[in-house]
Amino acid sequence: MIILTKRLAFELGKYNINVNAIAPGITKTEIISIGRTPSELEELFKEKAKSIALGRIAEPQDIANVALFLASDESSFITGQLIVVDGGTYDYLSHSQ
């Protein structure tokens, strides 16, 4: 996806078309709740939040805000980028607490 994003940005830039990608982290959506009870979800979110710098799971609006920004004139000089929206998720293999 990253290579495709960069290639399309290169190819379509001459037509004034920006191409970017959003890479969301864990987000509170319906799909994540499939097969889980409310208490299991709460435990999952609590556990996952421990590895996120902002200490919480993303709401759908957090991801939508980035999409809205990328669709706006404010991002007119941004293209070929992968925007990671994960609240600063830690990788415990390469970072220590």
Protein backbone atom coordinates (compact mmCIF):
# COMPACT_ATOMS: atom_id res chain seq x y z
CA MET A 1 0.00 0.00 0.00
CA ILE A 2 2.85 2.38 0.79
CA ILE A 3 4.56 1.78 -2.55
CA LEU A 4 1.24 2.12 -4.39
CA THR A 5 0.53 5.39 -2.57
CA LYS A 6 3.92 6.83 -3.47
CA ARG A 7 3.74 5.65 -7.07
CA LEU A 8 0.23 7.05 -7.61
CA ALA A 9 1.30 10.34 -6.00
CA PHE A 10 4.17 10.51 -8.49
CA GLU A 11 1.99 9.63 -11.48
CA LEU A 12 -1.00 11.83 -10.57
CA GLY A 13 0.82 14.85 -9.18
CA LYS A 14 1.05 16.42 -12.64
CA TYR A 15 -2.77 16.47 -12.66
CA ASN A 16 -2.82 18.22 -9.28
CA ILE A 17 -4.10 15.06 -7.56
CA ASN A 18 -2.75 14.26 -4.12
CA VAL A 19 -2.52 10.63 -3.01
CA ASN A 20 -1.99 9.71 0.63
CA ALA A 21 -2.76 6.74 2.87
CA ILE A 22 -3.98 6.50 6.44
CA ALA A 23 -2.72 3.70 8.69
CA PRO A 24 -4.98 3.60 11.74
CA GLY A 25 -4.12 1.80 14.93
CA ILE A 26 -6.69 -0.08 17.00
CA THR A 27 -9.97 1.80 16.74
CA LYS A 28 -13.30 1.40 18.52
CA THR A 29 -15.42 0.15 15.64
CA GLU A 30 -18.13 -2.47 15.37
CA ILE A 31 -15.79 -4.97 13.75
CA ILE A 32 -13.55 -5.13 16.81
CA SER A 33 -16.52 -6.04 19.01
CA ILE A 34 -17.56 -9.10 16.98
CA GLY A 35 -17.53 -12.16 19.19
CA ARG A 36 -16.63 -10.19 22.33
CA THR A 37 -18.74 -9.35 25.35
CA PRO A 38 -18.76 -5.77 26.64
CA SER A 39 -16.51 -6.80 29.54
CA GLU A 40 -14.08 -8.53 27.14
CA LEU A 41 -13.98 -5.37 25.05
CA GLU A 42 -13.32 -3.23 28.08
CA GLU A 43 -10.45 -5.52 29.11
CA LEU A 44 -9.05 -5.53 25.56
CA PHE A 45 -9.11 -1.74 25.37
CA LYS A 46 -7.55 -1.40 28.82
CA GLU A 47 -4.74 -3.81 27.90
CA LYS A 48 -4.08 -2.27 24.46
CA ALA A 49 -4.11 1.27 25.89
CA LYS A 50 -1.05 0.37 27.97
CA SER A 51 1.02 0.22 24.79
CA ILE A 52 -0.24 3.53 23.38
CA ALA A 53 1.52 6.79 24.28
CA LEU A 54 -1.78 8.68 24.54
CA GLY A 55 -3.16 5.94 26.81
CA ARG A 56 -6.39 5.33 24.92
CA ILE A 57 -7.89 3.53 21.95
CA ALA A 58 -8.81 5.61 18.90
CA GLU A 59 -12.38 6.66 18.31
CA PRO A 60 -13.61 6.56 14.69
CA GLN A 61 -13.65 10.37 14.73
CA ASP A 62 -9.88 10.40 15.35
CA ILE A 63 -9.34 8.65 12.02
CA ALA A 64 -12.05 10.67 10.26
CA ASN A 65 -10.34 13.90 11.33
CA VAL A 66 -7.18 12.89 9.49
CA ALA A 67 -9.18 11.96 6.37
CA LEU A 68 -10.97 15.31 6.55
CA PHE A 69 -7.65 17.13 6.85
CA LEU A 70 -6.22 15.26 3.85
CA ALA A 71 -9.33 16.12 1.82
CA SER A 72 -9.04 19.81 2.70
CA ASP A 73 -7.04 22.62 1.11
CA GLU A 74 -4.87 22.71 4.26
CA SER A 75 -3.09 19.58 3.02
CA SER A 76 -2.63 20.74 -0.56
CA PHE A 77 1.15 20.20 -0.49
CA ILE A 78 1.06 16.76 1.12
CA THR A 79 1.23 13.79 -1.23
CA GLY A 80 2.75 10.32 -1.28
CA GLN A 81 2.58 10.02 2.49
CA LEU A 82 1.48 7.35 4.91
CA ILE A 83 -0.14 9.03 7.91
CA VAL A 84 0.00 6.76 10.95
CA VAL A 85 -2.86 7.46 13.35
CA ASP A 86 -2.16 5.16 16.27
CA GLY A 87 -1.80 7.44 19.29
CA GLY A 88 1.92 6.70 19.48
CA THR A 89 1.75 2.92 19.75
CA TYR A 90 4.87 1.44 21.27
CA ASP A 91 6.65 -1.58 19.84
CA TYR A 92 7.77 -3.46 22.93
CA LEU A 93 10.44 -5.33 20.96
CA SER A 94 12.31 -2.10 20.25
CA HIS A 95 11.27 0.17 23.11
CA SER A 96 11.37 -0.26 26.83
CA GLN A 97 8.94 1.15 29.34
